[in-house]
Amino acid sequence: MRIVTALTLALILTGPALAAGPNGGQVVMADDHPVELVVTDTGLTFFVTEEGGQPLATAGLSGKAYIQAGGKTETVALKGAAPNRFVGDLKAPLPPGARIVLSAKVHGHGLQARFER
């Protein structure tokens, strides 16, 4: 019983990251929305879904990604794309240990998701 409790506590303390998402990226829960981040050398794609797994419409919306790496912070403008994506271009590949925060307003409420590479 202690092993299970210690493991559960360790998972809670390390953050809300879940298993890899359907697109192969890291998934976190943000305001009851699963958000998956897929990173390539040239861009970021955030997939946002409803709590029940349905795509959350993002076409026409915008947001920002804040990237902290190497003691610097970069802001990446994100565009909403159908059916449930926010996409943005990177100036350079992200280094290991980079921290990424998605900040967007979706259908009347703020959405923030935090990731670590």
N, C-alpha and C. Protein backbone atom coordinates (compact mmCIF):
# COMPACT_ATOMS: atom_id res chain seq x y z
N MET A 1 0.82 -1.19 0.00
CA MET A 1 0.00 0.00 0.00
C MET A 1 0.87 1.26 0.00
N ARG A 2 1.97 1.26 0.72
CA ARG A 2 2.84 2.43 0.76
C ARG A 2 3.48 2.70 -0.59
N ILE A 3 3.79 1.66 -1.33
CA ILE A 3 4.40 1.85 -2.65
C ILE A 3 3.41 2.54 -3.57
N VAL A 4 2.17 2.11 -3.56
CA VAL A 4 1.14 2.74 -4.39
C VAL A 4 0.96 4.20 -4.00
N THR A 5 0.90 4.49 -2.71
CA THR A 5 0.73 5.86 -2.24
C THR A 5 1.93 6.72 -2.65
N ALA A 6 3.13 6.21 -2.50
CA ALA A 6 4.32 6.95 -2.87
C ALA A 6 4.36 7.20 -4.37
N LEU A 7 3.98 6.21 -5.16
CA LEU A 7 3.95 6.37 -6.60
C LEU A 7 2.91 7.41 -7.01
N THR A 8 1.75 7.36 -6.41
CA THR A 8 0.69 8.34 -6.70
C THR A 8 1.16 9.73 -6.35
N LEU A 9 1.77 9.90 -5.19
CA LEU A 9 2.28 11.20 -4.76
C LEU A 9 3.35 11.69 -5.73
N ALA A 10 4.24 10.82 -6.15
CA ALA A 10 5.29 11.20 -7.09
C ALA A 10 4.69 11.68 -8.41
N LEU A 11 3.66 11.01 -8.89
CA LEU A 11 3.02 11.42 -10.13
C LEU A 11 2.34 12.78 -9.98
N ILE A 12 1.73 13.03 -8.86
CA ILE A 12 1.07 14.32 -8.61
C ILE A 12 2.09 15.43 -8.55
N LEU A 13 3.20 15.20 -7.87
CA LEU A 13 4.20 16.24 -7.68
C LEU A 13 4.98 16.56 -8.96
N THR A 14 5.09 15.61 -9.88
CA THR A 14 5.85 15.87 -11.10
C THR A 14 5.05 16.58 -12.16
N GLY A 15 3.75 16.76 -11.97
CA GLY A 15 2.97 17.52 -12.93
C GLY A 15 1.89 16.68 -13.58
N PRO A 16 1.07 17.36 -14.41
CA PRO A 16 -0.09 16.70 -14.96
C PRO A 16 0.13 16.00 -16.29
N ALA A 17 1.36 15.74 -16.69
CA ALA A 17 1.61 15.10 -17.98
C ALA A 17 1.00 13.71 -18.01
N LEU A 18 0.37 13.40 -19.12
CA LEU A 18 -0.24 12.11 -19.33
C LEU A 18 0.58 11.35 -20.36
N ALA A 19 0.09 10.20 -20.78
CA ALA A 19 0.77 9.42 -21.81
C ALA A 19 0.76 10.19 -23.12
N ALA A 20 1.55 9.70 -24.08
CA ALA A 20 1.59 10.34 -25.39
C ALA A 20 0.20 10.38 -26.01
N GLY A 21 -0.08 11.49 -26.67
CA GLY A 21 -1.39 11.67 -27.30
C GLY A 21 -1.50 10.97 -28.64
N PRO A 22 -2.65 11.10 -29.29
CA PRO A 22 -2.88 10.43 -30.56
C PRO A 22 -1.98 10.93 -31.69
N ASN A 23 -1.37 12.10 -31.52
CA ASN A 23 -0.47 12.64 -32.53
C ASN A 23 0.99 12.46 -32.15
N GLY A 24 1.24 11.72 -31.07
CA GLY A 24 2.59 11.42 -30.63
C GLY A 24 3.21 12.46 -29.72
N GLY A 25 2.44 13.45 -29.31
CA GLY A 25 2.98 14.51 -28.46
C GLY A 25 2.66 14.32 -27.00
N GLN A 26 3.19 15.21 -26.19
CA GLN A 26 2.96 15.23 -24.75
C GLN A 26 1.58 15.80 -24.48
N VAL A 27 0.83 15.21 -23.55
CA VAL A 27 -0.52 15.66 -23.21
C VAL A 27 -0.57 16.10 -21.76
N VAL A 28 -1.21 17.26 -21.52
CA VAL A 28 -1.47 17.74 -20.17
C VAL A 28 -2.94 18.13 -20.09
N MET A 29 -3.46 18.21 -18.89
CA MET A 29 -4.82 18.70 -18.66
C MET A 29 -4.73 20.18 -18.33
N ALA A 30 -5.57 20.98 -18.99
CA ALA A 30 -5.62 22.42 -18.75
C ALA A 30 -7.07 22.85 -18.71
N ASP A 31 -7.53 23.26 -17.54
CA ASP A 31 -8.92 23.71 -17.39
C ASP A 31 -9.89 22.66 -17.92
N ASP A 32 -9.69 21.41 -17.56
CA ASP A 32 -10.52 20.27 -17.97
C ASP A 32 -10.44 19.95 -19.45
N HIS A 33 -9.45 20.49 -20.16
CA HIS A 33 -9.25 20.18 -21.58
C HIS A 33 -7.93 19.43 -21.74
N PRO A 34 -7.95 18.24 -22.34
CA PRO A 34 -6.67 17.63 -22.71
C PRO A 34 -6.03 18.45 -23.83
N VAL A 35 -4.76 18.81 -23.66
CA VAL A 35 -4.03 19.58 -24.66
C VAL A 35 -2.77 18.79 -25.00
N GLU A 36 -2.58 18.54 -26.29
CA GLU A 36 -1.41 17.79 -26.75
C GLU A 36 -0.48 18.74 -27.50
N LEU A 37 0.81 18.70 -27.18
CA LEU A 37 1.82 19.51 -27.85
C LEU A 37 2.68 18.60 -28.73
N VAL A 38 2.76 18.96 -30.01
CA VAL A 38 3.66 18.29 -30.95
C VAL A 38 4.67 19.33 -31.41
N VAL A 39 5.95 19.01 -31.22
CA VAL A 39 7.04 19.93 -31.57
C VAL A 39 7.84 19.34 -32.72
N THR A 40 8.09 20.17 -33.75
CA THR A 40 9.02 19.80 -34.81
C THR A 40 10.16 20.81 -34.77
N ASP A 41 11.15 20.65 -35.62
CA ASP A 41 12.26 21.61 -35.66
C ASP A 41 11.79 23.00 -36.08
N THR A 42 10.66 23.08 -36.78
CA THR A 42 10.22 24.37 -37.33
C THR A 42 8.91 24.90 -36.74
N GLY A 43 8.25 24.12 -35.88
CA GLY A 43 6.97 24.62 -35.38
C GLY A 43 6.40 23.91 -34.19
N LEU A 44 5.34 24.53 -33.66
CA LEU A 44 4.58 23.98 -32.53
C LEU A 44 3.15 23.76 -33.00
N THR A 45 2.56 22.66 -32.59
CA THR A 45 1.14 22.42 -32.82
C THR A 45 0.53 21.95 -31.52
N PHE A 46 -0.50 22.65 -31.07
CA PHE A 46 -1.26 22.29 -29.88
C PHE A 46 -2.61 21.76 -30.35
N PHE A 47 -2.98 20.56 -29.93
CA PHE A 47 -4.28 19.97 -30.23
C PHE A 47 -5.12 20.09 -28.96
N VAL A 48 -6.28 20.72 -29.04
CA VAL A 48 -7.13 20.96 -27.87
C VAL A 48 -8.42 20.17 -28.04
N THR A 49 -8.78 19.42 -27.01
CA THR A 49 -10.02 18.64 -27.05
C THR A 49 -10.89 18.97 -25.84
N GLU A 50 -12.17 18.64 -25.98
CA GLU A 50 -13.10 18.77 -24.87
C GLU A 50 -12.81 17.66 -23.86
N GLU A 51 -13.36 17.78 -22.69
CA GLU A 51 -13.16 16.78 -21.64
C GLU A 51 -13.56 15.39 -22.12
N GLY A 52 -14.59 15.29 -22.95
CA GLY A 52 -15.07 14.00 -23.45
C GLY A 52 -14.30 13.47 -24.64
N GLY A 53 -13.26 14.18 -25.09
CA GLY A 53 -12.44 13.72 -26.19
C GLY A 53 -12.82 14.29 -27.55
N GLN A 54 -13.86 15.11 -27.62
CA GLN A 54 -14.25 15.73 -28.87
C GLN A 54 -13.34 16.92 -29.17
N PRO A 55 -13.01 17.16 -30.46
CA PRO A 55 -12.18 18.32 -30.81
C PRO A 55 -12.85 19.63 -30.39
N LEU A 56 -12.08 20.54 -29.84
CA LEU A 56 -12.56 21.88 -29.48
C LEU A 56 -12.27 22.79 -30.66
N ALA A 57 -13.28 23.39 -31.24
CA ALA A 57 -13.12 24.24 -32.43
C ALA A 57 -12.19 25.41 -32.13
N THR A 58 -11.12 25.55 -32.91
CA THR A 58 -10.15 26.62 -32.71
C THR A 58 -9.98 27.49 -33.95
N ALA A 59 -10.63 27.14 -35.07
CA ALA A 59 -10.49 27.93 -36.30
C ALA A 59 -10.90 29.37 -36.02
N GLY A 60 -10.06 30.31 -36.46
CA GLY A 60 -10.34 31.73 -36.27
C GLY A 60 -9.87 32.29 -34.94
N LEU A 61 -9.43 31.43 -34.02
CA LEU A 61 -8.93 31.90 -32.73
C LEU A 61 -7.43 32.15 -32.82
N SER A 62 -6.87 32.76 -31.79
CA SER A 62 -5.43 32.98 -31.74
C SER A 62 -4.95 32.77 -30.31
N GLY A 63 -3.67 32.67 -30.18
CA GLY A 63 -3.06 32.49 -28.86
C GLY A 63 -1.58 32.79 -28.94
N LYS A 64 -0.90 32.51 -27.85
CA LYS A 64 0.55 32.70 -27.80
C LYS A 64 1.18 31.51 -27.09
N ALA A 65 2.39 31.23 -27.48
CA ALA A 65 3.20 30.25 -26.77
C ALA A 65 4.41 31.00 -26.23
N TYR A 66 4.67 30.82 -24.95
CA TYR A 66 5.84 31.42 -24.31
C TYR A 66 6.84 30.30 -24.09
N ILE A 67 8.05 30.49 -24.60
CA ILE A 67 9.08 29.46 -24.52
C ILE A 67 10.23 30.00 -23.69
N GLN A 68 10.58 29.28 -22.64
CA GLN A 68 11.74 29.62 -21.82
C GLN A 68 12.81 28.57 -22.06
N ALA A 69 13.98 29.04 -22.51
CA ALA A 69 15.09 28.13 -22.76
C ALA A 69 16.39 28.92 -22.70
N GLY A 70 17.37 28.36 -22.07
CA GLY A 70 18.68 29.00 -22.01
C GLY A 70 18.66 30.39 -21.39
N GLY A 71 17.79 30.61 -20.42
CA GLY A 71 17.72 31.89 -19.75
C GLY A 71 17.01 32.99 -20.54
N LYS A 72 16.42 32.63 -21.66
CA LYS A 72 15.71 33.60 -22.49
C LYS A 72 14.25 33.17 -22.65
N THR A 73 13.38 34.15 -22.91
CA THR A 73 11.97 33.87 -23.16
C THR A 73 11.62 34.37 -24.56
N GLU A 74 10.98 33.52 -25.33
CA GLU A 74 10.55 33.85 -26.68
C GLU A 74 9.03 33.71 -26.73
N THR A 75 8.38 34.59 -27.47
CA THR A 75 6.93 34.52 -27.66
C THR A 75 6.65 34.12 -29.10
N VAL A 76 5.81 33.11 -29.26
CA VAL A 76 5.43 32.63 -30.59
C VAL A 76 3.94 32.88 -30.77
N ALA A 77 3.57 33.61 -31.83
CA ALA A 77 2.16 33.83 -32.14
C ALA A 77 1.56 32.53 -32.68
N LEU A 78 0.36 32.22 -32.21
CA LEU A 78 -0.33 31.00 -32.63
C LEU A 78 -1.61 31.36 -33.37
N LYS A 79 -1.91 30.61 -34.41
CA LYS A 79 -3.15 30.77 -35.16
C LYS A 79 -4.00 29.53 -34.97
N GLY A 80 -5.29 29.74 -34.81
CA GLY A 80 -6.21 28.62 -34.72
C GLY A 80 -6.41 28.01 -36.10
N ALA A 81 -6.45 26.70 -36.16
CA ALA A 81 -6.63 25.97 -37.41
C ALA A 81 -7.60 24.82 -37.17
N ALA A 82 -8.45 24.57 -38.15
CA ALA A 82 -9.44 23.50 -38.03
C ALA A 82 -8.75 22.15 -37.95
N PRO A 83 -9.28 21.18 -37.25
CA PRO A 83 -10.49 21.33 -36.46
C PRO A 83 -10.22 21.81 -35.04
N ASN A 84 -9.03 21.51 -34.47
CA ASN A 84 -8.79 21.80 -33.05
C ASN A 84 -7.33 22.13 -32.75
N ARG A 85 -6.70 22.88 -33.64
CA ARG A 85 -5.26 23.12 -33.48
C ARG A 85 -4.94 24.60 -33.30
N PHE A 86 -3.85 24.86 -32.58
CA PHE A 86 -3.17 26.14 -32.56
C PHE A 86 -1.78 25.85 -33.12
N VAL A 87 -1.34 26.62 -34.11
CA VAL A 87 -0.05 26.36 -34.74
C VAL A 87 0.79 27.64 -34.75
N GLY A 88 2.10 27.45 -34.64
CA GLY A 88 3.03 28.57 -34.67
C GLY A 88 4.39 28.12 -35.18
N ASP A 89 5.15 29.07 -35.72
CA ASP A 89 6.47 28.79 -36.29
C ASP A 89 7.57 29.07 -35.28
N LEU A 90 8.58 28.22 -35.28
CA LEU A 90 9.75 28.40 -34.43
C LEU A 90 10.89 29.00 -35.25
N LYS A 91 11.70 29.83 -34.60
CA LYS A 91 12.88 30.40 -35.25
C LYS A 91 14.02 29.39 -35.29
N ALA A 92 14.04 28.48 -34.30
CA ALA A 92 15.10 27.47 -34.20
C ALA A 92 14.52 26.27 -33.44
N PRO A 93 15.11 25.09 -33.60
CA PRO A 93 14.64 23.93 -32.84
C PRO A 93 14.74 24.18 -31.33
N LEU A 94 13.81 23.62 -30.58
CA LEU A 94 13.81 23.78 -29.13
C LEU A 94 14.86 22.87 -28.49
N PRO A 95 15.62 23.40 -27.54
CA PRO A 95 16.59 22.56 -26.84
C PRO A 95 15.91 21.71 -25.77
N PRO A 96 16.56 20.63 -25.35
CA PRO A 96 16.02 19.85 -24.24
C PRO A 96 15.88 20.74 -23.00
N GLY A 97 14.84 20.52 -22.23
CA GLY A 97 14.62 21.31 -21.02
C GLY A 97 13.82 22.58 -21.24
N ALA A 98 13.49 22.89 -22.49
CA ALA A 98 12.70 24.09 -22.77
C ALA A 98 11.33 23.95 -22.12
N ARG A 99 10.81 25.06 -21.62
CA ARG A 99 9.47 25.10 -21.04
C ARG A 99 8.58 25.88 -21.98
N ILE A 100 7.40 25.34 -22.24
CA ILE A 100 6.46 25.94 -23.18
C ILE A 100 5.13 26.15 -22.47
N VAL A 101 4.57 27.34 -22.61
CA VAL A 101 3.26 27.64 -22.04
C VAL A 101 2.34 28.11 -23.16
N LEU A 102 1.23 27.43 -23.33
CA LEU A 102 0.18 27.85 -24.26
C LEU A 102 -0.75 28.78 -23.50
N SER A 103 -1.06 29.93 -24.10
CA SER A 103 -2.02 30.86 -23.53
C SER A 103 -2.98 31.28 -24.64
N ALA A 104 -4.26 30.99 -24.45
CA ALA A 104 -5.26 31.31 -25.47
C ALA A 104 -6.60 31.55 -24.79
N LYS A 105 -7.47 32.21 -25.51
CA LYS A 105 -8.84 32.38 -25.05
C LYS A 105 -9.71 31.54 -25.97
N VAL A 106 -10.44 30.60 -25.40
CA VAL A 106 -11.29 29.71 -26.19
C VAL A 106 -12.72 29.79 -25.70
N HIS A 107 -13.57 30.26 -26.57
CA HIS A 107 -15.01 30.28 -26.31
C HIS A 107 -15.36 30.88 -24.94
N GLY A 108 -14.78 32.06 -24.68
CA GLY A 108 -15.15 32.82 -23.50
C GLY A 108 -14.34 32.56 -22.25
N HIS A 109 -13.38 31.66 -22.29
CA HIS A 109 -12.55 31.46 -21.10
C HIS A 109 -11.09 31.28 -21.48
N GLY A 110 -10.22 31.61 -20.53
CA GLY A 110 -8.79 31.48 -20.75
C GLY A 110 -8.35 30.03 -20.66
N LEU A 111 -7.33 29.70 -21.42
CA LEU A 111 -6.76 28.35 -21.41
C LEU A 111 -5.25 28.48 -21.33
N GLN A 112 -4.66 27.85 -20.32
CA GLN A 112 -3.21 27.82 -20.20
C GLN A 112 -2.77 26.38 -19.97
N ALA A 113 -1.79 25.97 -20.74
CA ALA A 113 -1.23 24.62 -20.60
C ALA A 113 0.29 24.75 -20.55
N ARG A 114 0.89 24.02 -19.64
CA ARG A 114 2.34 24.08 -19.44
C ARG A 114 2.98 22.74 -19.80
N PHE A 115 4.09 22.85 -20.53
CA PHE A 115 4.82 21.66 -20.99
C PHE A 115 6.31 21.84 -20.73
N GLU A 116 7.00 20.75 -20.59
CA GLU A 116 8.46 20.78 -20.49
C GLU A 116 9.01 19.76 -21.47
N ARG A 117 9.96 20.18 -22.23
CA ARG A 117 10.55 19.32 -23.27
C ARG A 117 11.60 18.44 -22.68
